[in-house]
C-alpha atoms as a PDB file:
ATOM      1  CA  MET A   1     142.885 200.525  67.084  1.00  0.00           C
ATOM      2  CA  GLN A   2     140.847 203.585  66.146  1.00  0.00           C
ATOM      3  CA  GLU A   3     139.694 202.433  62.705  1.00  0.00           C
ATOM      4  CA  PHE A   4     139.055 198.760  63.393  1.00  0.00           C
ATOM      5  CA  GLY A   5     138.600 198.588  67.147  1.00  0.00           C
ATOM      6  CA  SER A   6     136.581 201.804  67.533  1.00  0.00           C
ATOM      7  CA  GLN A   7     138.931 202.962  70.264  1.00  0.00           C
ATOM      8  CA  PHE A   8     139.761 206.649  70.656  1.00  0.00           C
ATOM      9  CA  THR A   9     143.533 207.001  70.536  1.00  0.00           C
ATOM     10  CA  SER A  10     143.921 210.498  69.081  1.00  0.00           C
ATOM     11  CA  PHE A  11     144.444 212.297  72.388  1.00  0.00           C
ATOM     12  CA  SER A  12     146.546 211.812  75.479  1.00  0.00           C
ATOM     13  CA  GLY A  13     145.611 212.103  79.122  1.00  0.00           C
ATOM     14  CA  ARG A  14     142.703 209.663  79.200  1.00  0.00           C
ATOM     15  CA  VAL A  15     141.317 209.423  82.722  1.00  0.00           C
ATOM     16  CA  PHE A  16     140.077 205.819  82.684  1.00  0.00           C
ATOM     17  CA  PRO A  17     141.704 202.699  81.206  1.00  0.00           C
ATOM     18  CA  PHE A  18     138.461 201.924  79.393  1.00  0.00           C
ATOM     19  CA  ASP A  19     138.818 199.100  76.865  1.00  0.00           C
ATOM     20  CA  ARG A  20     135.865 198.182  74.647  1.00  0.00           C
ATOM     21  CA  THR A  21     137.077 194.600  74.326  1.00  0.00           C
ATOM     22  CA  ILE A  22     137.021 194.195  78.118  1.00  0.00           C
ATOM     23  CA  HIS A  23     134.511 196.573  79.636  1.00  0.00           C
ATOM     24  CA  ILE A  24     131.666 196.340  77.126  1.00  0.00           C
ATOM     25  CA  GLN A  25     129.497 193.267  77.601  1.00  0.00           C
ATOM     26  CA  LYS A  26     125.907 192.452  76.805  1.00  0.00           C
ATOM     27  CA  ILE A  27     124.195 192.754  80.179  1.00  0.00           C
ATOM     28  CA  LYS A  28     120.662 191.722  81.004  1.00  0.00           C
ATOM     29  CA  TYR A  29     118.834 193.226  83.946  1.00  0.00           C
ATOM     30  CA  ASN A  30     119.027 190.793  86.851  1.00  0.00           C
ATOM     31  CA  PRO A  31     116.084 191.097  89.290  1.00  0.00           C
ATOM     32  CA  ASP A  32     118.162 189.336  91.952  1.00  0.00           C
ATOM     33  CA  LEU A  33     120.717 192.166  92.050  1.00  0.00           C
ATOM     34  CA  LEU A  34     120.279 195.594  93.642  1.00  0.00           C
ATOM     35  CA  THR A  35     119.919 198.585  91.316  1.00  0.00           C
ATOM     36  CA  TYR A  36     121.195 202.113  92.012  1.00  0.00           C
ATOM     37  CA  VAL A  37     121.262 205.375  90.067  1.00  0.00           C
ATOM     38  CA  GLY A  38     123.947 208.064  89.892  1.00  0.00           C
ATOM     39  CA  ILE A  39     122.753 211.543  88.860  1.00  0.00           C
ATOM     40  CA  ASP A  40     124.413 214.698  87.588  1.00  0.00           C
ATOM     41  CA  PHE A  41     121.952 217.557  87.210  1.00  0.00           C
ATOM     42  CA  GLY A  42     124.234 219.493  84.880  1.00  0.00           C
ATOM     43  CA  TYR A  43     123.615 223.018  83.640  1.00  0.00           C
ATOM     44  CA  ARG A  44     123.115 222.141  79.977  1.00  0.00           C
ATOM     45  CA  THR A  45     123.391 218.346  80.068  1.00  0.00           C
ATOM     46  CA  ALA A  46     121.603 216.246  82.692  1.00  0.00           C
ATOM     47  CA  THR A  47     122.676 212.622  83.024  1.00  0.00           C
ATOM     48  CA  ALA A  48     121.712 209.561  85.035  1.00  0.00           C
ATOM     49  CA  ALA A  49     123.309 206.124  85.106  1.00  0.00           C
ATOM     50  CA  ALA A  50     121.669 202.915  86.362  1.00  0.00           C
ATOM     51  CA  PHE A  51     123.946 200.325  87.952  1.00  0.00           C
ATOM     52  CA  GLN A  52     123.560 196.817  89.309  1.00  0.00           C
ATOM     53  CA  ILE A  53     125.903 195.329  91.888  1.00  0.00           C
ATOM     54  CA  GLU A  54     127.020 191.706  92.002  1.00  0.00           C
ATOM     55  CA  PRO A  55     128.474 190.959  95.460  1.00  0.00           C
ATOM     56  CA  VAL A  56     131.784 189.102  95.442  1.00  0.00           C
ATOM     57  CA  PRO A  57     132.550 187.387  98.780  1.00  0.00           C
ATOM     58  CA  ASN A  58     135.994 188.413 100.045  1.00  0.00           C
ATOM     59  CA  GLY A  59     136.574 190.363  96.852  1.00  0.00           C
ATOM     60  CA  LYS A  60     135.672 193.497  94.935  1.00  0.00           C
ATOM     61  CA  ASP A  61     131.997 193.718  93.978  1.00  0.00           C
ATOM     62  CA  LYS A  62     131.280 193.727  90.260  1.00  0.00           C
ATOM     63  CA  VAL A  63     129.483 196.797  88.909  1.00  0.00           C
ATOM     64  CA  TYR A  64     127.299 196.743  85.797  1.00  0.00           C
ATOM     65  CA  LEU A  65     126.158 199.889  83.983  1.00  0.00           C
ATOM     66  CA  ILE A  66     122.842 198.754  82.500  1.00  0.00           C
ATOM     67  CA  ASP A  67     121.023 201.928  81.424  1.00  0.00           C
ATOM     68  CA  GLU A  68     121.356 205.670  81.024  1.00  0.00           C
ATOM     69  CA  VAL A  69     119.545 208.978  80.634  1.00  0.00           C
ATOM     70  CA  TRP A  70     121.216 211.811  78.728  1.00  0.00           C
ATOM     71  CA  GLU A  71     119.225 214.988  78.108  1.00  0.00           C
ATOM     72  CA  GLU A  72     120.388 218.392  76.938  1.00  0.00           C
ATOM     73  CA  ASN A  73     118.713 221.688  77.894  1.00  0.00           C
ATOM     74  CA  ILE A  74     115.975 219.982  79.895  1.00  0.00           C
ATOM     75  CA  LYS A  75     114.062 221.260  82.898  1.00  0.00           C
ATOM     76  CA  THR A  76     114.769 219.408  86.125  1.00  0.00           C
ATOM     77  CA  GLU A  77     111.131 218.363  86.420  1.00  0.00           C
ATOM     78  CA  ASP A  78     111.219 216.698  82.995  1.00  0.00           C
ATOM     79  CA  PHE A  79     114.598 215.140  83.750  1.00  0.00           C
ATOM     80  CA  ALA A  80     113.216 213.713  87.001  1.00  0.00           C
ATOM     81  CA  ASN A  81     110.335 212.147  85.085  1.00  0.00           C
ATOM     82  CA  LYS A  82     112.763 210.413  82.729  1.00  0.00           C
ATOM     83  CA  VAL A  83     114.847 209.093  85.615  1.00  0.00           C
ATOM     84  CA  LYS A  84     111.733 207.872  87.403  1.00  0.00           C
ATOM     85  CA  ALA A  85     110.766 206.035  84.200  1.00  0.00           C
ATOM     86  CA  PHE A  86     113.669 203.599  84.577  1.00  0.00           C
ATOM     87  CA  PRO A  87     111.929 200.187  84.404  1.00  0.00           C
ATOM     88  CA  TYR A  88     113.710 198.826  87.474  1.00  0.00           C
ATOM     89  CA  PRO A  89     113.119 198.988  91.231  1.00  0.00           C
ATOM     90  CA  ILE A  90     115.746 201.533  92.299  1.00  0.00           C
ATOM     91  CA  ILE A  91     117.173 201.072  95.798  1.00  0.00           C
ATOM     92  CA  ARG A  92     118.867 204.467  96.094  1.00  0.00           C
ATOM     93  CA  TYR A  93     119.716 207.567  94.107  1.00  0.00           C
ATOM     94  CA  PHE A  94     123.065 209.361  94.486  1.00  0.00           C
ATOM     95  CA  GLY A  95     123.994 212.805  93.216  1.00  0.00           C
ATOM     96  CA  ASP A  96     125.879 216.056  93.652  1.00  0.00           C
ATOM     97  CA  PRO A  97     125.263 217.709  97.040  1.00  0.00           C
ATOM     98  CA  ALA A  98     125.313 221.040  95.158  1.00  0.00           C
ATOM     99  CA  GLY A  99     121.961 220.011  93.741  1.00  0.00           C
ATOM    100  CA  GLY A 100     120.467 221.161  97.007  1.00  0.00           C
ATOM    101  CA  SER A 101     121.497 224.763  96.413  1.00  0.00           C
ATOM    102  CA  ILE A 102     121.361 225.234  92.643  1.00  0.00           C
ATOM    103  CA  GLN A 103     118.196 226.983  91.597  1.00  0.00           C
ATOM    104  CA  SER A 104     116.412 224.968  88.946  1.00  0.00           C
ATOM    105  CA  GLN A 105     114.454 226.338  86.009  1.00  0.00           C
ATOM    106  CA  SER A 106     111.455 225.039  87.916  1.00  0.00           C
ATOM    107  CA  ALA A 107     110.435 226.020  91.427  1.00  0.00           C
ATOM    108  CA  GLY A 108     112.771 224.740  94.131  1.00  0.00           C
ATOM    109  CA  THR A 109     116.167 223.077  93.996  1.00  0.00           C
ATOM    110  CA  ASP A 110     117.027 220.076  91.871  1.00  0.00           C
ATOM    111  CA  ILE A 111     117.097 217.730  94.852  1.00  0.00           C
ATOM    112  CA  GLU A 112     113.768 219.053  96.131  1.00  0.00           C
ATOM    113  CA  ILE A 113     112.139 218.471  92.749  1.00  0.00           C
ATOM    114  CA  PHE A 114     113.349 214.864  92.727  1.00  0.00           C
ATOM    115  CA  ARG A 115     112.172 214.400  96.317  1.00  0.00           C
ATOM    116  CA  ARG A 116     108.686 215.610  95.436  1.00  0.00           C
ATOM    117  CA  LYS A 117     108.555 212.853  92.833  1.00  0.00           C
ATOM    118  CA  GLY A 118     109.489 210.206  95.377  1.00  0.00           C
ATOM    119  CA  MET A 119     113.224 210.063  94.649  1.00  0.00           C
ATOM    120  CA  ARG A 120     115.554 210.957  97.492  1.00  0.00           C
ATOM    121  CA  VAL A 121     118.977 211.909  96.101  1.00  0.00           C
ATOM    122  CA  ASP A 122     121.650 211.156  98.714  1.00  0.00           C
ATOM    123  CA  SER A 123     125.202 212.481  98.749  1.00  0.00           C
ATOM    124  CA  ARG A 124     128.248 212.349 100.966  1.00  0.00           C
ATOM    125  CA  LYS A 125     129.586 215.725 101.953  1.00  0.00           C
ATOM    126  CA  ASP A 126     132.956 214.815 103.493  1.00  0.00           C
ATOM    127  CA  ARG A 127     136.112 216.207 101.921  1.00  0.00           C
ATOM    128  CA  LEU A 128     137.387 212.905 100.512  1.00  0.00           C
ATOM    129  CA  SER A 129     134.099 212.008  98.863  1.00  0.00           C
ATOM    130  CA  ARG A 130     133.714 215.440  97.268  1.00  0.00           C
ATOM    131  CA  SER A 131     137.263 215.508  95.908  1.00  0.00           C
ATOM    132  CA  ILE A 132     137.144 214.873  92.161  1.00  0.00           C
ATOM    133  CA  ALA A 133     140.737 213.627  92.079  1.00  0.00           C
ATOM    134  CA  ASN A 134     140.119 211.153  94.911  1.00  0.00           C
ATOM    135  CA  GLY A 135     136.839 210.013  93.391  1.00  0.00           C
ATOM    136  CA  VAL A 136     138.403 209.404  89.983  1.00  0.00           C
ATOM    137  CA  SER A 137     141.245 207.425  91.531  1.00  0.00           C
ATOM    138  CA  HIS A 138     138.702 205.412  93.515  1.00  0.00           C
ATOM    139  CA  MET A 139     136.647 204.663  90.384  1.00  0.00           C
ATOM    140  CA  ARG A 140     139.692 203.620  88.389  1.00  0.00           C
ATOM    141  CA  THR A 141     140.215 200.561  90.603  1.00  0.00           C
ATOM    142  CA  TRP A 142     136.999 199.059  89.198  1.00  0.00           C
ATOM    143  CA  PHE A 143     138.278 199.420  85.636  1.00  0.00           C
ATOM    144  CA  GLU A 144     141.468 197.605  86.583  1.00  0.00           C
ATOM    145  CA  ASP A 145     142.415 196.334  90.036  1.00  0.00           C
ATOM    146  CA  ALA A 146     145.878 195.600  91.402  1.00  0.00           C
ATOM    147  CA  ASN A 147     145.862 192.235  89.618  1.00  0.00           C
ATOM    148  CA  GLY A 148     144.840 193.745  86.307  1.00  0.00           C
ATOM    149  CA  ASN A 149     141.276 192.410  86.506  1.00  0.00           C
ATOM    150  CA  ALA A 150     138.172 194.386  85.527  1.00  0.00           C
ATOM    151  CA  ASN A 151     135.203 194.662  87.884  1.00  0.00           C
ATOM    152  CA  PHE A 152     133.192 197.199  85.897  1.00  0.00           C
ATOM    153  CA  TYR A 153     131.185 196.417  82.761  1.00  0.00           C
ATOM    154  CA  VAL A 154     128.929 198.457  80.459  1.00  0.00           C
ATOM    155  CA  ASP A 155     126.035 197.332  78.298  1.00  0.00           C
ATOM    156  CA  PRO A 156     126.543 198.419  74.654  1.00  0.00           C
ATOM    157  CA  ARG A 157     123.227 200.303  74.615  1.00  0.00           C
ATOM    158  CA  CYS A 158     124.758 202.880  77.006  1.00  0.00           C
ATOM    159  CA  LYS A 159     126.290 204.710  74.078  1.00  0.00           C
ATOM    160  CA  LYS A 160     126.600 208.096  75.787  1.00  0.00           C
ATOM    161  CA  GLY A 161     128.206 206.490  78.824  1.00  0.00           C
ATOM    162  CA  ILE A 162     130.729 204.660  76.674  1.00  0.00           C
ATOM    163  CA  MET A 163     131.511 207.847  74.767  1.00  0.00           C
ATOM    164  CA  SER A 164     132.023 209.750  78.023  1.00  0.00           C
ATOM    165  CA  LEU A 165     134.219 207.137  79.701  1.00  0.00           C
ATOM    166  CA  GLU A 166     136.418 206.954  76.604  1.00  0.00           C
ATOM    167  CA  ASN A 167     136.782 210.695  76.086  1.00  0.00           C
ATOM    168  CA  TYR A 168     137.050 211.934  79.684  1.00  0.00           C
ATOM    169  CA  ARG A 169     140.555 213.350  79.919  1.00  0.00           C
ATOM    170  CA  TYR A 170     142.915 215.592  81.810  1.00  0.00           C
ATOM    171  CA  PRO A 171     143.617 219.092  80.452  1.00  0.00           C
ATOM    172  CA  GLU A 172     146.672 219.428  78.265  1.00  0.00           C
ATOM    173  CA  LYS A 173     149.659 220.609  80.253  1.00  0.00           C
ATOM    174  CA  LYS A 174     151.215 223.771  78.925  1.00  0.00           C
ATOM    175  CA  GLN A 175     154.797 224.775  79.456  1.00  0.00           C
ATOM    176  CA  ASP A 176     155.501 226.244  82.894  1.00  0.00           C
ATOM    177  CA  GLN A 177     151.946 225.426  83.978  1.00  0.00           C
ATOM    178  CA  LYS A 178     151.195 223.505  87.154  1.00  0.00           C
ATOM    179  CA  LEU A 179     149.841 220.016  86.429  1.00  0.00           C
ATOM    180  CA  LYS A 180     146.142 219.815  87.298  1.00  0.00           C
ATOM    181  CA  GLU A 181     144.840 216.748  89.131  1.00  0.00           C
ATOM    182  CA  ASP A 182     141.197 217.181  88.107  1.00  0.00           C
ATOM    183  CA  PRO A 183     139.931 216.066  84.694  1.00  0.00           C
ATOM    184  CA  LEU A 184     138.759 218.600  82.149  1.00  0.00           C
ATOM    185  CA  LYS A 185     135.312 220.116  82.732  1.00  0.00           C
ATOM    186  CA  ASP A 186     134.385 220.160  79.071  1.00  0.00           C
ATOM    187  CA  GLY A 187     130.619 220.355  79.539  1.00  0.00           C
ATOM    188  CA  VAL A 188     130.115 217.196  77.466  1.00  0.00           C
ATOM    189  CA  TYR A 189     131.837 214.086  78.777  1.00  0.00           C
ATOM    190  CA  ASP A 190     132.293 215.212  82.378  1.00  0.00           C
ATOM    191  CA  HIS A 191     128.592 215.092  83.289  1.00  0.00           C
ATOM    192  CA  PHE A 192     128.113 211.364  82.842  1.00  0.00           C
ATOM    193  CA  CYS A 193     131.458 210.651  84.508  1.00  0.00           C
ATOM    194  CA  ASP A 194     130.392 212.824  87.448  1.00  0.00           C
ATOM    195  CA  ALA A 195     127.129 210.884  87.764  1.00  0.00           C
ATOM    196  CA  THR A 196     129.147 207.662  87.797  1.00  0.00           C
ATOM    197  CA  ARG A 197     131.558 209.070  90.368  1.00  0.00           C
ATOM    198  CA  TYR A 198     128.706 210.064  92.712  1.00  0.00           C
ATOM    199  CA  PHE A 199     127.470 206.485  92.570  1.00  0.00           C
ATOM    200  CA  PHE A 200     130.858 204.936  93.352  1.00  0.00           C
ATOM    201  CA  CYS A 201     131.842 207.393  96.090  1.00  0.00           C
ATOM    202  CA  ASN A 202     128.512 207.102  97.878  1.00  0.00           C
ATOM    203  CA  LEU A 203     127.969 203.351  97.692  1.00  0.00           C
ATOM    204  CA  PHE A 204     131.636 202.413  98.166  1.00  0.00           C
ATOM    205  CA  PRO A 205     133.033 204.992 100.611  1.00  0.00           C
ATOM    206  CA  ILE A 206     136.608 206.052  99.942  1.00  0.00           C
ATOM    207  CA  LYS A 207     137.479 205.963 103.636  1.00  0.00           C
ATOM    208  CA  SER A 208     136.243 202.397 104.029  1.00  0.00           C
ATOM    209  CA  ARG A 209     138.178 199.316 102.997  1.00  0.00           C
ATOM    210  CA  THR A 210     134.996 197.274 102.971  1.00  0.00           C
ATOM    211  CA  ALA A 211     132.660 197.540 100.003  1.00  0.00           C
ATOM    212  CA  ARG A 212     128.972 198.028 100.752  1.00  0.00           C
ATOM    213  CA  SER A 213     129.798 199.473 104.191  1.00  0.00           C
ATOM    214  CA  ILE A 214     127.569 202.537 104.308  1.00  0.00           C
ATOM    215  CA  ASP A 215     127.580 204.714 107.427  1.00  0.00           C
ATOM    216  CA  TRP A 216     124.964 207.445 107.074  1.00  0.00           C
END
């Protein structure tokens, strides 16, 4: 599977049941679908993921990851310019609420810098939405629902996103150590997965059983 299928099987504790043969599809931007962006400001790695949503009546909406931004050691102002350069009409931006308090390398907070460039970064601040463990569990249902069907697909050009979704894992459990529910904060793969989680937890509230029900 690793040599011929390009699947990473050398470690245990993978967070998502990501399968290249299922979840990677050639996806063209569809102007009839709404486009959203999930953002993780990151300390050393800033990431943004662009998604389109295909509504499914009486079912789980399909989510398509169509584009990405991955920049290392970049100022927030420059990162904001790259996100704003996405060639799609973005409906909403979602990110980490901590972006409102982290001091950027530029003047002001990360969220303020984005706002000055015309991008309002929204975030839910309730306990369930901010829980990494809950958010990961919530996301996993798009990779594989109760019937074993996938509702999340990635365009092959999102190479960093694919790499992150495949390698995101839980820390290795050591003897006599309490099992941790949160995935490993490795400073590499967690940033893109966080950006994706902010998107899912904000657009599809954990507390709601109805997709697209947003109560701000």
